[in-house]
PDB file of N, CA and C in Angstrom:
ATOM      1  N   MET A   1       0.680  -1.112   0.010  1.00  0.00           N
ATOM      2  CA  MET A   1       0.044   0.240   0.040  1.00  0.00           C
ATOM      3  C   MET A   1       1.091   1.294  -0.129  1.00  0.00           C
ATOM      4  N   SER A   2       0.981   2.127  -0.972  1.00  0.00           N
ATOM      5  CA  SER A   2       1.456   3.128  -1.157  1.00  0.00           C
ATOM      6  C   SER A   2       0.577   4.616  -0.450  1.00  0.00           C
ATOM      7  N   LEU A   3       1.495   5.533  -0.405  1.00  0.00           N
ATOM      8  CA  LEU A   3       0.538   6.532   0.421  1.00  0.00           C
ATOM      9  C   LEU A   3       0.286   7.932  -0.679  1.00  0.00           C
ATOM     10  N   SER A   4      -0.793   8.224  -0.411  1.00  0.00           N
ATOM     11  CA  SER A   4      -1.087   9.241  -1.643  1.00  0.00           C
ATOM     12  C   SER A   4      -0.116  10.505  -1.226  1.00  0.00           C
ATOM     13  N   GLU A   5      -0.051  11.143  -2.411  1.00  0.00           N
ATOM     14  CA  GLU A   5       0.325  12.358  -2.484  1.00  0.00           C
ATOM     15  C   GLU A   5      -0.173  13.336  -1.344  1.00  0.00           C
ATOM     16  N   GLN A   6      -1.227  13.487  -1.413  1.00  0.00           N
ATOM     17  CA  GLN A   6      -1.662  14.570  -0.259  1.00  0.00           C
ATOM     18  C   GLN A   6      -1.075  13.904   0.825  1.00  0.00           C
ATOM     19  N   THR A   7      -1.339  12.683   1.818  1.00  0.00           N
ATOM     20  CA  THR A   7      -0.663  11.894   3.215  1.00  0.00           C
ATOM     21  C   THR A   7       0.916  12.531   3.287  1.00  0.00           C
ATOM     22  N   ILE A   8       1.606  12.133   2.000  1.00  0.00           N
ATOM     23  CA  ILE A   8       3.000  12.260   1.875  1.00  0.00           C
ATOM     24  C   ILE A   8       3.179  13.980   2.366  1.00  0.00           C
ATOM     25  N   GLN A   9       2.300  15.034   1.559  1.00  0.00           N
ATOM     26  CA  GLN A   9       2.698  16.508   1.966  1.00  0.00           C
ATOM     27  C   GLN A   9       2.100  16.869   3.565  1.00  0.00           C
ATOM     28  N   ILE A  10       0.882  16.163   3.892  1.00  0.00           N
ATOM     29  CA  ILE A  10       0.855  16.314   5.394  1.00  0.00           C
ATOM     30  C   ILE A  10       1.744  15.792   6.297  1.00  0.00           C
ATOM     31  N   VAL A  11       2.307  14.664   6.179  1.00  0.00           N
ATOM     32  CA  VAL A  11       3.184  14.512   6.643  1.00  0.00           C
ATOM     33  C   VAL A  11       4.565  15.087   7.057  1.00  0.00           C
ATOM     34  N   LYS A  12       4.913  15.544   5.489  1.00  0.00           N
ATOM     35  CA  LYS A  12       6.291  16.718   5.307  1.00  0.00           C
ATOM     36  C   LYS A  12       5.610  17.820   6.240  1.00  0.00           C
ATOM     37  N   ALA A  13       5.020  18.386   6.124  1.00  0.00           N
ATOM     38  CA  ALA A  13       4.460  19.350   6.936  1.00  0.00           C
ATOM     39  C   ALA A  13       4.678  19.245   8.160  1.00  0.00           C
ATOM     40  N   THR A  14       4.724  18.059   8.732  1.00  0.00           N
ATOM     41  CA  THR A  14       4.650  18.104  10.361  1.00  0.00           C
ATOM     42  C   THR A  14       6.303  18.227  10.875  1.00  0.00           C
ATOM     43  N   ALA A  15       7.584  18.043   9.597  1.00  0.00           N
ATOM     44  CA  ALA A  15       8.492  17.725  10.105  1.00  0.00           C
ATOM     45  C   ALA A  15       9.328  19.132  11.051  1.00  0.00           C
ATOM     46  N   PRO A  16       8.891  20.251  10.829  1.00  0.00           N
ATOM     47  CA  PRO A  16       9.249  21.540  11.255  1.00  0.00           C
ATOM     48  C   PRO A  16       8.926  21.739  12.693  1.00  0.00           C
ATOM     49  N   VAL A  17       7.529  21.168  12.919  1.00  0.00           N
ATOM     50  CA  VAL A  17       6.990  21.091  14.147  1.00  0.00           C
ATOM     51  C   VAL A  17       7.585  19.819  15.040  1.00  0.00           C
ATOM     52  N   LEU A  18       7.826  19.347  14.608  1.00  0.00           N
ATOM     53  CA  LEU A  18       8.883  17.887  15.207  1.00  0.00           C
ATOM     54  C   LEU A  18      10.166  18.487  15.338  1.00  0.00           C
ATOM     55  N   ALA A  19      10.850  18.842  14.218  1.00  0.00           N
ATOM     56  CA  ALA A  19      12.130  19.545  14.906  1.00  0.00           C
ATOM     57  C   ALA A  19      12.170  20.218  16.219  1.00  0.00           C
ATOM     58  N   GLU A  20      11.038  21.226  16.311  1.00  0.00           N
ATOM     59  CA  GLU A  20      10.842  22.052  17.141  1.00  0.00           C
ATOM     60  C   GLU A  20      10.254  21.449  18.460  1.00  0.00           C
ATOM     61  N   HIS A  21       9.413  20.477  18.576  1.00  0.00           N
ATOM     62  CA  HIS A  21       8.495  20.206  19.786  1.00  0.00           C
ATOM     63  C   HIS A  21       8.285  18.706  19.861  1.00  0.00           C
ATOM     64  N   GLY A  22       9.476  18.063  19.217  1.00  0.00           N
ATOM     65  CA  GLY A  22       9.257  16.449  19.209  1.00  0.00           C
ATOM     66  C   GLY A  22       9.748  15.772  20.560  1.00  0.00           C
ATOM     67  N   GLU A  23      10.636  16.430  21.191  1.00  0.00           N
ATOM     68  CA  GLU A  23      11.013  15.763  22.427  1.00  0.00           C
ATOM     69  C   GLU A  23       9.815  16.023  23.702  1.00  0.00           C
ATOM     70  N   THR A  24       9.127  17.456  23.450  1.00  0.00           N
ATOM     71  CA  THR A  24       7.895  17.620  24.301  1.00  0.00           C
ATOM     72  C   THR A  24       6.849  16.546  24.290  1.00  0.00           C
ATOM     73  N   ILE A  25       6.855  16.510  22.759  1.00  0.00           N
ATOM     74  CA  ILE A  25       5.658  15.097  22.345  1.00  0.00           C
ATOM     75  C   ILE A  25       6.126  13.797  23.037  1.00  0.00           C
ATOM     76  N   THR A  26       7.149  13.390  22.754  1.00  0.00           N
ATOM     77  CA  THR A  26       7.849  12.383  23.142  1.00  0.00           C
ATOM     78  C   THR A  26       7.780  11.908  24.488  1.00  0.00           C
ATOM     79  N   ARG A  27       7.953  12.997  25.620  1.00  0.00           N
ATOM     80  CA  ARG A  27       8.024  12.803  26.917  1.00  0.00           C
ATOM     81  C   ARG A  27       6.392  12.687  27.457  1.00  0.00           C
ATOM     82  N   HIS A  28       5.808  13.129  26.651  1.00  0.00           N
ATOM     83  CA  HIS A  28       4.176  13.282  27.051  1.00  0.00           C
ATOM     84  C   HIS A  28       3.913  11.798  26.413  1.00  0.00           C
ATOM     85  N   PHE A  29       4.343  11.462  25.171  1.00  0.00           N
ATOM     86  CA  PHE A  29       3.769  10.140  24.974  1.00  0.00           C
ATOM     87  C   PHE A  29       4.467   9.304  25.848  1.00  0.00           C
ATOM     88  N   TYR A  30       5.318   8.714  26.462  1.00  0.00           N
ATOM     89  CA  TYR A  30       6.241   8.137  27.275  1.00  0.00           C
ATOM     90  C   TYR A  30       5.101   8.077  28.796  1.00  0.00           C
ATOM     91  N   GLN A  31       5.011   9.157  29.543  1.00  0.00           N
ATOM     92  CA  GLN A  31       4.213   9.603  30.166  1.00  0.00           C
ATOM     93  C   GLN A  31       2.693   8.697  30.247  1.00  0.00           C
ATOM     94  N   GLN A  32       2.314   8.758  29.122  1.00  0.00           N
ATOM     95  CA  GLN A  32       1.017   8.624  28.965  1.00  0.00           C
ATOM     96  C   GLN A  32       1.227   7.151  28.940  1.00  0.00           C
ATOM     97  N   MET A  33       1.470   6.546  27.960  1.00  0.00           N
ATOM     98  CA  MET A  33       1.768   5.197  27.773  1.00  0.00           C
ATOM     99  C   MET A  33       2.050   4.635  28.851  1.00  0.00           C
ATOM    100  N   PHE A  34       2.963   4.577  30.132  1.00  0.00           N
ATOM    101  CA  PHE A  34       3.483   4.276  30.826  1.00  0.00           C
ATOM    102  C   PHE A  34       2.509   4.006  32.394  1.00  0.00           C
ATOM    103  N   SER A  35       1.880   5.485  32.309  1.00  0.00           N
ATOM    104  CA  SER A  35       0.601   5.718  33.084  1.00  0.00           C
ATOM    105  C   SER A  35      -0.528   4.706  32.933  1.00  0.00           C
ATOM    106  N   GLN A  36      -0.755   4.214  31.471  1.00  0.00           N
ATOM    107  CA  GLN A  36      -1.717   3.465  31.114  1.00  0.00           C
ATOM    108  C   GLN A  36      -1.318   1.975  31.236  1.00  0.00           C
ATOM    109  N   ASN A  37      -0.118   1.429  30.705  1.00  0.00           N
ATOM    110  CA  ASN A  37       0.599   0.398  30.484  1.00  0.00           C
ATOM    111  C   ASN A  37       1.373   0.301  31.007  1.00  0.00           C
ATOM    112  N   PRO A  38       1.331   0.218  32.614  1.00  0.00           N
ATOM    113  CA  PRO A  38       2.961  -0.095  33.341  1.00  0.00           C
ATOM    114  C   PRO A  38       3.552  -1.571  32.947  1.00  0.00           C
ATOM    115  N   GLU A  39       2.628  -2.641  32.271  1.00  0.00           N
ATOM    116  CA  GLU A  39       3.620  -3.310  31.687  1.00  0.00           C
ATOM    117  C   GLU A  39       4.323  -3.420  30.801  1.00  0.00           C
ATOM    118  N   LEU A  40       4.549  -2.341  30.329  1.00  0.00           N
ATOM    119  CA  LEU A  40       5.562  -2.068  29.519  1.00  0.00           C
ATOM    120  C   LEU A  40       6.907  -1.302  29.557  1.00  0.00           C
ATOM    121  N   LEU A  41       6.739  -0.837  30.827  1.00  0.00           N
ATOM    122  CA  LEU A  41       7.960  -0.553  31.555  1.00  0.00           C
ATOM    123  C   LEU A  41       9.288  -1.399  31.727  1.00  0.00           C
ATOM    124  N   ASN A  42       9.114  -2.392  31.611  1.00  0.00           N
ATOM    125  CA  ASN A  42      10.135  -3.457  31.583  1.00  0.00           C
ATOM    126  C   ASN A  42      10.828  -3.318  30.590  1.00  0.00           C
ATOM    127  N   ILE A  43      10.354  -2.955  29.514  1.00  0.00           N
ATOM    128  CA  ILE A  43      10.792  -3.061  28.095  1.00  0.00           C
ATOM    129  C   ILE A  43      11.946  -2.068  27.991  1.00  0.00           C
ATOM    130  N   PHE A  44      11.563  -0.875  28.432  1.00  0.00           N
ATOM    131  CA  PHE A  44      12.374   0.207  28.289  1.00  0.00           C
ATOM    132  C   PHE A  44      13.512   0.541  29.175  1.00  0.00           C
ATOM    133  N   ASN A  45      14.736   0.904  28.893  1.00  0.00           N
ATOM    134  CA  ASN A  45      15.741   1.208  29.866  1.00  0.00           C
ATOM    135  C   ASN A  45      15.668   2.580  30.566  1.00  0.00           C
ATOM    136  N   ALA A  46      15.899   2.016  32.030  1.00  0.00           N
ATOM    137  CA  ALA A  46      14.800   3.409  32.996  1.00  0.00           C
ATOM    138  C   ALA A  46      16.104   4.627  32.801  1.00  0.00           C
ATOM    139  N   THR A  47      17.371   4.568  33.068  1.00  0.00           N
ATOM    140  CA  THR A  47      18.294   5.038  32.680  1.00  0.00           C
ATOM    141  C   THR A  47      18.009   6.167  31.792  1.00  0.00           C
ATOM    142  N   ASN A  48      17.813   5.292  30.438  1.00  0.00           N
ATOM    143  CA  ASN A  48      17.478   6.130  29.169  1.00  0.00           C
ATOM    144  C   ASN A  48      16.156   6.914  29.302  1.00  0.00           C
ATOM    145  N   GLN A  49      14.882   6.619  30.068  1.00  0.00           N
ATOM    146  CA  GLN A  49      13.850   7.225  30.257  1.00  0.00           C
ATOM    147  C   GLN A  49      14.391   8.550  31.143  1.00  0.00           C
ATOM    148  N   LYS A  50      15.321   8.190  32.164  1.00  0.00           N
ATOM    149  CA  LYS A  50      15.328   9.306  32.929  1.00  0.00           C
ATOM    150  C   LYS A  50      16.293  10.438  32.642  1.00  0.00           C
ATOM    151  N   THR A  51      17.110  10.137  31.571  1.00  0.00           N
ATOM    152  CA  THR A  51      18.244  11.041  31.172  1.00  0.00           C
ATOM    153  C   THR A  51      17.485  11.697  30.128  1.00  0.00           C
ATOM    154  N   GLY A  52      16.369  11.133  29.449  1.00  0.00           N
ATOM    155  CA  GLY A  52      15.807  12.101  28.211  1.00  0.00           C
ATOM    156  C   GLY A  52      16.430  11.114  26.953  1.00  0.00           C
ATOM    157  N   ARG A  53      17.252  10.304  26.938  1.00  0.00           N
ATOM    158  CA  ARG A  53      17.840   9.679  25.863  1.00  0.00           C
ATOM    159  C   ARG A  53      17.070   8.979  24.875  1.00  0.00           C
ATOM    160  N   GLN A  54      15.867   8.160  25.536  1.00  0.00           N
ATOM    161  CA  GLN A  54      15.047   7.537  25.105  1.00  0.00           C
ATOM    162  C   GLN A  54      13.756   8.384  24.135  1.00  0.00           C
ATOM    163  N   GLN A  55      13.321   9.574  25.177  1.00  0.00           N
ATOM    164  CA  GLN A  55      12.703  10.840  23.968  1.00  0.00           C
ATOM    165  C   GLN A  55      13.283  11.320  23.016  1.00  0.00           C
ATOM    166  N   ALA A  56      14.467  11.227  22.975  1.00  0.00           N
ATOM    167  CA  ALA A  56      15.024  12.658  22.045  1.00  0.00           C
ATOM    168  C   ALA A  56      15.499  10.906  20.738  1.00  0.00           C
ATOM    169  N   ALA A  57      15.445   9.933  21.492  1.00  0.00           N
ATOM    170  CA  ALA A  57      15.644   8.720  20.011  1.00  0.00           C
ATOM    171  C   ALA A  57      14.547   8.731  19.377  1.00  0.00           C
ATOM    172  N   LEU A  58      13.652   8.704  20.334  1.00  0.00           N
ATOM    173  CA  LEU A  58      12.157   8.785  19.272  1.00  0.00           C
ATOM    174  C   LEU A  58      11.775   9.958  18.816  1.00  0.00           C
ATOM    175  N   ALA A  59      12.001  11.086  19.229  1.00  0.00           N
ATOM    176  CA  ALA A  59      11.696  12.506  18.728  1.00  0.00           C
ATOM    177  C   ALA A  59      12.266  12.389  16.976  1.00  0.00           C
ATOM    178  N   ASN A  60      13.702  12.116  17.139  1.00  0.00           N
ATOM    179  CA  ASN A  60      15.060  12.217  16.428  1.00  0.00           C
ATOM    180  C   ASN A  60      14.036  10.963  15.253  1.00  0.00           C
ATOM    181  N   ALA A  61      13.697   9.995  15.404  1.00  0.00           N
ATOM    182  CA  ALA A  61      13.471   8.762  14.442  1.00  0.00           C
ATOM    183  C   ALA A  61      12.054   9.534  13.929  1.00  0.00           C
ATOM    184  N   VAL A  62      10.967   9.766  14.795  1.00  0.00           N
ATOM    185  CA  VAL A  62       9.633  10.376  13.770  1.00  0.00           C
ATOM    186  C   VAL A  62       9.904  11.492  12.930  1.00  0.00           C
ATOM    187  N   TYR A  63      10.769  12.686  13.542  1.00  0.00           N
ATOM    188  CA  TYR A  63      11.411  13.628  12.200  1.00  0.00           C
ATOM    189  C   TYR A  63      11.769  13.063  11.379  1.00  0.00           C
ATOM    190  N   ALA A  64      12.702  12.495  11.414  1.00  0.00           N
ATOM    191  CA  ALA A  64      13.328  11.733  10.470  1.00  0.00           C
ATOM    192  C   ALA A  64      12.213  10.818   9.268  1.00  0.00           C
ATOM    193  N   TYR A  65      11.668  10.346   9.692  1.00  0.00           N
ATOM    194  CA  TYR A  65      10.700   9.885   9.110  1.00  0.00           C
ATOM    195  C   TYR A  65       9.571  10.842   8.147  1.00  0.00           C
ATOM    196  N   ALA A  66       9.201  11.817   8.789  1.00  0.00           N
ATOM    197  CA  ALA A  66       8.296  13.070   8.375  1.00  0.00           C
ATOM    198  C   ALA A  66       9.284  13.713   7.330  1.00  0.00           C
ATOM    199  N   ALA A  67      10.640  13.766   7.735  1.00  0.00           N
ATOM    200  CA  ALA A  67      11.121  14.683   6.711  1.00  0.00           C
ATOM    201  C   ALA A  67      11.705  13.732   5.359  1.00  0.00           C
ATOM    202  N   ASN A  68      11.496  12.607   5.570  1.00  0.00           N
ATOM    203  CA  ASN A  68      12.136  11.814   4.674  1.00  0.00           C
ATOM    204  C   ASN A  68      10.889  10.676   3.863  1.00  0.00           C
ATOM    205  N   ILE A  69       9.728  10.922   4.419  1.00  0.00           N
ATOM    206  CA  ILE A  69       8.567  10.002   3.764  1.00  0.00           C
ATOM    207  C   ILE A  69       8.882  10.069   2.217  1.00  0.00           C
ATOM    208  N   ASP A  70       9.372  11.103   1.171  1.00  0.00           N
ATOM    209  CA  ASP A  70       9.490  10.738   0.000  1.00  0.00           C
ATOM    210  C   ASP A  70      10.621  10.277  -0.234  1.00  0.00           C
ATOM    211  N   ASN A  71      11.815   9.920   0.442  1.00  0.00           N
ATOM    212  CA  ASN A  71      12.763   9.111   0.186  1.00  0.00           C
ATOM    213  C   ASN A  71      13.131   8.268   1.113  1.00  0.00           C
ATOM    214  N   LEU A  72      12.224   6.875   1.344  1.00  0.00           N
ATOM    215  CA  LEU A  72      12.212   6.183   2.174  1.00  0.00           C
ATOM    216  C   LEU A  72      13.531   5.462   2.513  1.00  0.00           C
ATOM    217  N   GLY A  73      14.014   5.170   1.191  1.00  0.00           N
ATOM    218  CA  GLY A  73      15.460   4.539   1.386  1.00  0.00           C
ATOM    219  C   GLY A  73      16.350   4.892   2.451  1.00  0.00           C
ATOM    220  N   ALA A  74      16.520   6.220   2.522  1.00  0.00           N
ATOM    221  CA  ALA A  74      17.373   7.093   3.637  1.00  0.00           C
ATOM    222  C   ALA A  74      17.281   6.934   4.798  1.00  0.00           C
ATOM    223  N   LEU A  75      16.118   5.699   4.989  1.00  0.00           N
ATOM    224  CA  LEU A  75      15.643   5.679   6.531  1.00  0.00           C
ATOM    225  C   LEU A  75      16.246   4.304   6.541  1.00  0.00           C
ATOM    226  N   THR A  76      16.700   3.502   5.497  1.00  0.00           N
ATOM    227  CA  THR A  76      17.106   2.210   5.508  1.00  0.00           C
ATOM    228  C   THR A  76      17.813   1.752   7.137  1.00  0.00           C
ATOM    229  N   GLY A  77      19.057   2.109   7.004  1.00  0.00           N
ATOM    230  CA  GLY A  77      19.600   1.875   7.939  1.00  0.00           C
ATOM    231  C   GLY A  77      19.283   2.014   9.470  1.00  0.00           C
ATOM    232  N   ALA A  78      18.609   3.354   9.480  1.00  0.00           N
ATOM    233  CA  ALA A  78      17.779   3.520  11.129  1.00  0.00           C
ATOM    234  C   ALA A  78      16.760   2.466  11.473  1.00  0.00           C
ATOM    235  N   VAL A  79      15.960   2.034  10.127  1.00  0.00           N
ATOM    236  CA  VAL A  79      14.868   1.180  10.527  1.00  0.00           C
ATOM    237  C   VAL A  79      15.453   0.085  10.860  1.00  0.00           C
ATOM    238  N   GLN A  80      16.682  -0.364  10.066  1.00  0.00           N
ATOM    239  CA  GLN A  80      16.901  -1.881  10.501  1.00  0.00           C
ATOM    240  C   GLN A  80      17.473  -2.245  11.848  1.00  0.00           C
ATOM    241  N   ARG A  81      18.275  -1.053  12.239  1.00  0.00           N
ATOM    242  CA  ARG A  81      18.524  -1.142  13.612  1.00  0.00           C
ATOM    243  C   ARG A  81      17.702  -1.387  14.821  1.00  0.00           C
ATOM    244  N   ILE A  82      16.663  -0.293  14.453  1.00  0.00           N
ATOM    245  CA  ILE A  82      15.188  -0.033  15.299  1.00  0.00           C
ATOM    246  C   ILE A  82      14.602  -1.663  15.350  1.00  0.00           C
ATOM    247  N   ALA A  83      14.243  -2.018  13.976  1.00  0.00           N
ATOM    248  CA  ALA A  83      13.861  -3.465  14.175  1.00  0.00           C
ATOM    249  C   ALA A  83      14.750  -4.534  14.900  1.00  0.00           C
ATOM    250  N   HIS A  84      15.877  -4.698  14.746  1.00  0.00           N
ATOM    251  CA  HIS A  84      16.951  -5.658  15.389  1.00  0.00           C
ATOM    252  C   HIS A  84      16.579  -5.270  16.764  1.00  0.00           C
ATOM    253  N   LYS A  85      16.740  -4.301  17.260  1.00  0.00           N
ATOM    254  CA  LYS A  85      16.775  -3.980  18.560  1.00  0.00           C
ATOM    255  C   LYS A  85      15.421  -4.305  19.218  1.00  0.00           C
ATOM    256  N   HIS A  86      13.951  -3.817  18.551  1.00  0.00           N
ATOM    257  CA  HIS A  86      12.774  -4.518  18.649  1.00  0.00           C
ATOM    258  C   HIS A  86      12.623  -5.840  18.766  1.00  0.00           C
ATOM    259  N   ALA A  87      13.227  -6.830  17.869  1.00  0.00           N
ATOM    260  CA  ALA A  87      13.379  -8.082  17.829  1.00  0.00           C
ATOM    261  C   ALA A  87      13.877  -8.829  19.078  1.00  0.00           C
ATOM    262  N   SER A  88      15.109  -8.053  19.344  1.00  0.00           N
ATOM    263  CA  SER A  88      16.284  -8.497  20.387  1.00  0.00           C
ATOM    264  C   SER A  88      15.368  -8.354  22.002  1.00  0.00           C
ATOM    265  N   PHE A  89      14.456  -7.530  21.657  1.00  0.00           N
ATOM    266  CA  PHE A  89      13.499  -7.292  23.326  1.00  0.00           C
ATOM    267  C   PHE A  89      12.322  -8.203  23.117  1.00  0.00           C
ATOM    268  N   ASN A  90      12.361  -9.132  22.527  1.00  0.00           N
ATOM    269  CA  ASN A  90      11.192  -9.714  22.105  1.00  0.00           C
ATOM    270  C   ASN A  90       9.650  -8.625  22.201  1.00  0.00           C
ATOM    271  N   ILE A  91       9.742  -7.761  21.437  1.00  0.00           N
ATOM    272  CA  ILE A  91       8.570  -6.862  21.375  1.00  0.00           C
ATOM    273  C   ILE A  91       7.710  -7.744  20.490  1.00  0.00           C
ATOM    274  N   LEU A  92       6.465  -7.666  20.887  1.00  0.00           N
ATOM    275  CA  LEU A  92       5.400  -8.441  20.537  1.00  0.00           C
ATOM    276  C   LEU A  92       4.424  -8.024  19.678  1.00  0.00           C
ATOM    277  N   PRO A  93       3.874  -8.419  18.496  1.00  0.00           N
ATOM    278  CA  PRO A  93       3.143  -7.651  17.686  1.00  0.00           C
ATOM    279  C   PRO A  93       1.734  -6.789  18.121  1.00  0.00           C
ATOM    280  N   GLU A  94       1.472  -7.477  19.699  1.00  0.00           N
ATOM    281  CA  GLU A  94       0.033  -6.578  20.142  1.00  0.00           C
ATOM    282  C   GLU A  94       0.562  -5.514  20.717  1.00  0.00           C
ATOM    283  N   GLN A  95       2.070  -5.441  20.618  1.00  0.00           N
ATOM    284  CA  GLN A  95       2.284  -4.166  21.582  1.00  0.00           C
ATOM    285  C   GLN A  95       2.225  -2.705  20.567  1.00  0.00           C
ATOM    286  N   TYR A  96       2.391  -3.006  19.344  1.00  0.00           N
ATOM    287  CA  TYR A  96       2.333  -2.039  18.490  1.00  0.00           C
ATOM    288  C   TYR A  96       1.463  -0.917  18.460  1.00  0.00           C
ATOM    289  N   PRO A  97      -0.111  -1.248  18.643  1.00  0.00           N
ATOM    290  CA  PRO A  97      -1.098  -0.627  18.425  1.00  0.00           C
ATOM    291  C   PRO A  97      -1.099   0.174  19.825  1.00  0.00           C
ATOM    292  N   ILE A  98      -0.941  -0.555  20.961  1.00  0.00           N
ATOM    293  CA  ILE A  98      -0.513   0.680  22.189  1.00  0.00           C
ATOM    294  C   ILE A  98       0.675   1.642  21.993  1.00  0.00           C
ATOM    295  N   VAL A  99       1.450   0.975  21.411  1.00  0.00           N
ATOM    296  CA  VAL A  99       2.692   2.175  21.149  1.00  0.00           C
ATOM    297  C   VAL A  99       2.124   3.417  20.031  1.00  0.00           C
ATOM    298  N   GLY A 100       1.402   3.219  18.844  1.00  0.00           N
ATOM    299  CA  GLY A 100       0.777   3.622  17.813  1.00  0.00           C
ATOM    300  C   GLY A 100      -0.098   4.704  18.439  1.00  0.00           C
ATOM    301  N   LYS A 101      -1.089   4.313  19.235  1.00  0.00           N
ATOM    302  CA  LYS A 101      -2.191   4.956  19.952  1.00  0.00           C
ATOM    303  C   LYS A 101      -1.789   5.933  20.639  1.00  0.00           C
ATOM    304  N   HIS A 102      -0.796   5.655  21.680  1.00  0.00           N
ATOM    305  CA  HIS A 102      -0.160   6.669  22.543  1.00  0.00           C
ATOM    306  C   HIS A 102       0.674   7.871  21.639  1.00  0.00           C
ATOM    307  N   LEU A 103       1.298   7.276  20.899  1.00  0.00           N
ATOM    308  CA  LEU A 103       1.798   8.433  19.927  1.00  0.00           C
ATOM    309  C   LEU A 103       0.930   9.401  19.121  1.00  0.00           C
ATOM    310  N   LEU A 104       0.054   8.926  18.393  1.00  0.00           N
ATOM    311  CA  LEU A 104      -0.973   9.809  17.963  1.00  0.00           C
ATOM    312  C   LEU A 104      -1.520  10.625  18.800  1.00  0.00           C
ATOM    313  N   GLU A 105      -1.969  10.139  19.862  1.00  0.00           N
ATOM    314  CA  GLU A 105      -2.747  10.722  21.109  1.00  0.00           C
ATOM    315  C   GLU A 105      -1.966  12.384  21.289  1.00  0.00           C
ATOM    316  N   GLY A 106      -0.399  11.654  21.617  1.00  0.00           N
ATOM    317  CA  GLY A 106       0.421  12.961  21.780  1.00  0.00           C
ATOM    318  C   GLY A 106       0.812  13.835  20.506  1.00  0.00           C
ATOM    319  N   CYS A 107       1.052  13.615  19.720  1.00  0.00           N
ATOM    320  CA  CYS A 107       0.883  14.312  18.253  1.00  0.00           C
ATOM    321  C   CYS A 107      -0.629  14.990  18.046  1.00  0.00           C
ATOM    322  N   SER A 108      -1.681  14.873  18.844  1.00  0.00           N
ATOM    323  CA  SER A 108      -2.352  15.296  18.229  1.00  0.00           C
ATOM    324  C   SER A 108      -3.282  16.429  19.648  1.00  0.00           C
ATOM    325  N   LEU A 109      -2.527  16.379  20.361  1.00  0.00           N
ATOM    326  CA  LEU A 109      -2.398  17.139  21.801  1.00  0.00           C
ATOM    327  C   LEU A 109      -1.938  18.366  21.504  1.00  0.00           C
ATOM    328  N   ASN A 110      -2.465  19.865  22.037  1.00  0.00           N
ATOM    329  CA  ASN A 110      -1.861  20.983  21.432  1.00  0.00           C
ATOM    330  C   ASN A 110      -0.685  21.491  22.486  1.00  0.00           C
ATOM    331  N   LEU A 111       0.310  20.242  22.514  1.00  0.00           N
ATOM    332  CA  LEU A 111       1.454  20.481  23.140  1.00  0.00           C
ATOM    333  C   LEU A 111       2.306  21.872  23.116  1.00  0.00           C
ATOM    334  N   ILE A 112       2.557  22.209  21.522  1.00  0.00           N
ATOM    335  CA  ILE A 112       3.058  23.248  21.482  1.00  0.00           C
ATOM    336  C   ILE A 112       2.731  24.545  22.235  1.00  0.00           C
ATOM    337  N   THR A 113       1.759  25.028  22.416  1.00  0.00           N
ATOM    338  CA  THR A 113       1.361  26.346  23.325  1.00  0.00           C
ATOM    339  C   THR A 113       2.042  25.840  24.394  1.00  0.00           C
ATOM    340  N   ASP A 114       1.976  24.520  25.144  1.00  0.00           N
ATOM    341  CA  ASP A 114       2.456  24.469  26.503  1.00  0.00           C
ATOM    342  C   ASP A 114       3.984  24.824  26.894  1.00  0.00           C
ATOM    343  N   SER A 115       4.654  24.350  25.729  1.00  0.00           N
ATOM    344  CA  SER A 115       6.244  24.444  25.939  1.00  0.00           C
ATOM    345  C   SER A 115       7.101  26.018  26.031  1.00  0.00           C
TER     346      SER A 115
END
């Protein structure tokens, strides 16, 4: 399934917002996800959560996708590293919708006015 040109343009338009506010969005994302799904806490490195490294990594990944949506080949190396990491942690298919739900909720909130 390929994305429509309209969808590509919408996603590309989010890149500047993600560049500026991505870590605010991902901080909110992790707070919400862990408060509603504490069983996922053991999957993530607590030190990386406390230092903000995990939030920054996710923010950078989402930004990179938005900025390169019309050149997905540029993301191949990063996507492969993420896939290997997820496989090594035995991430289950049913966990992805949880992450997707909270990420979309975080992006849809008006967080930029709060920063």
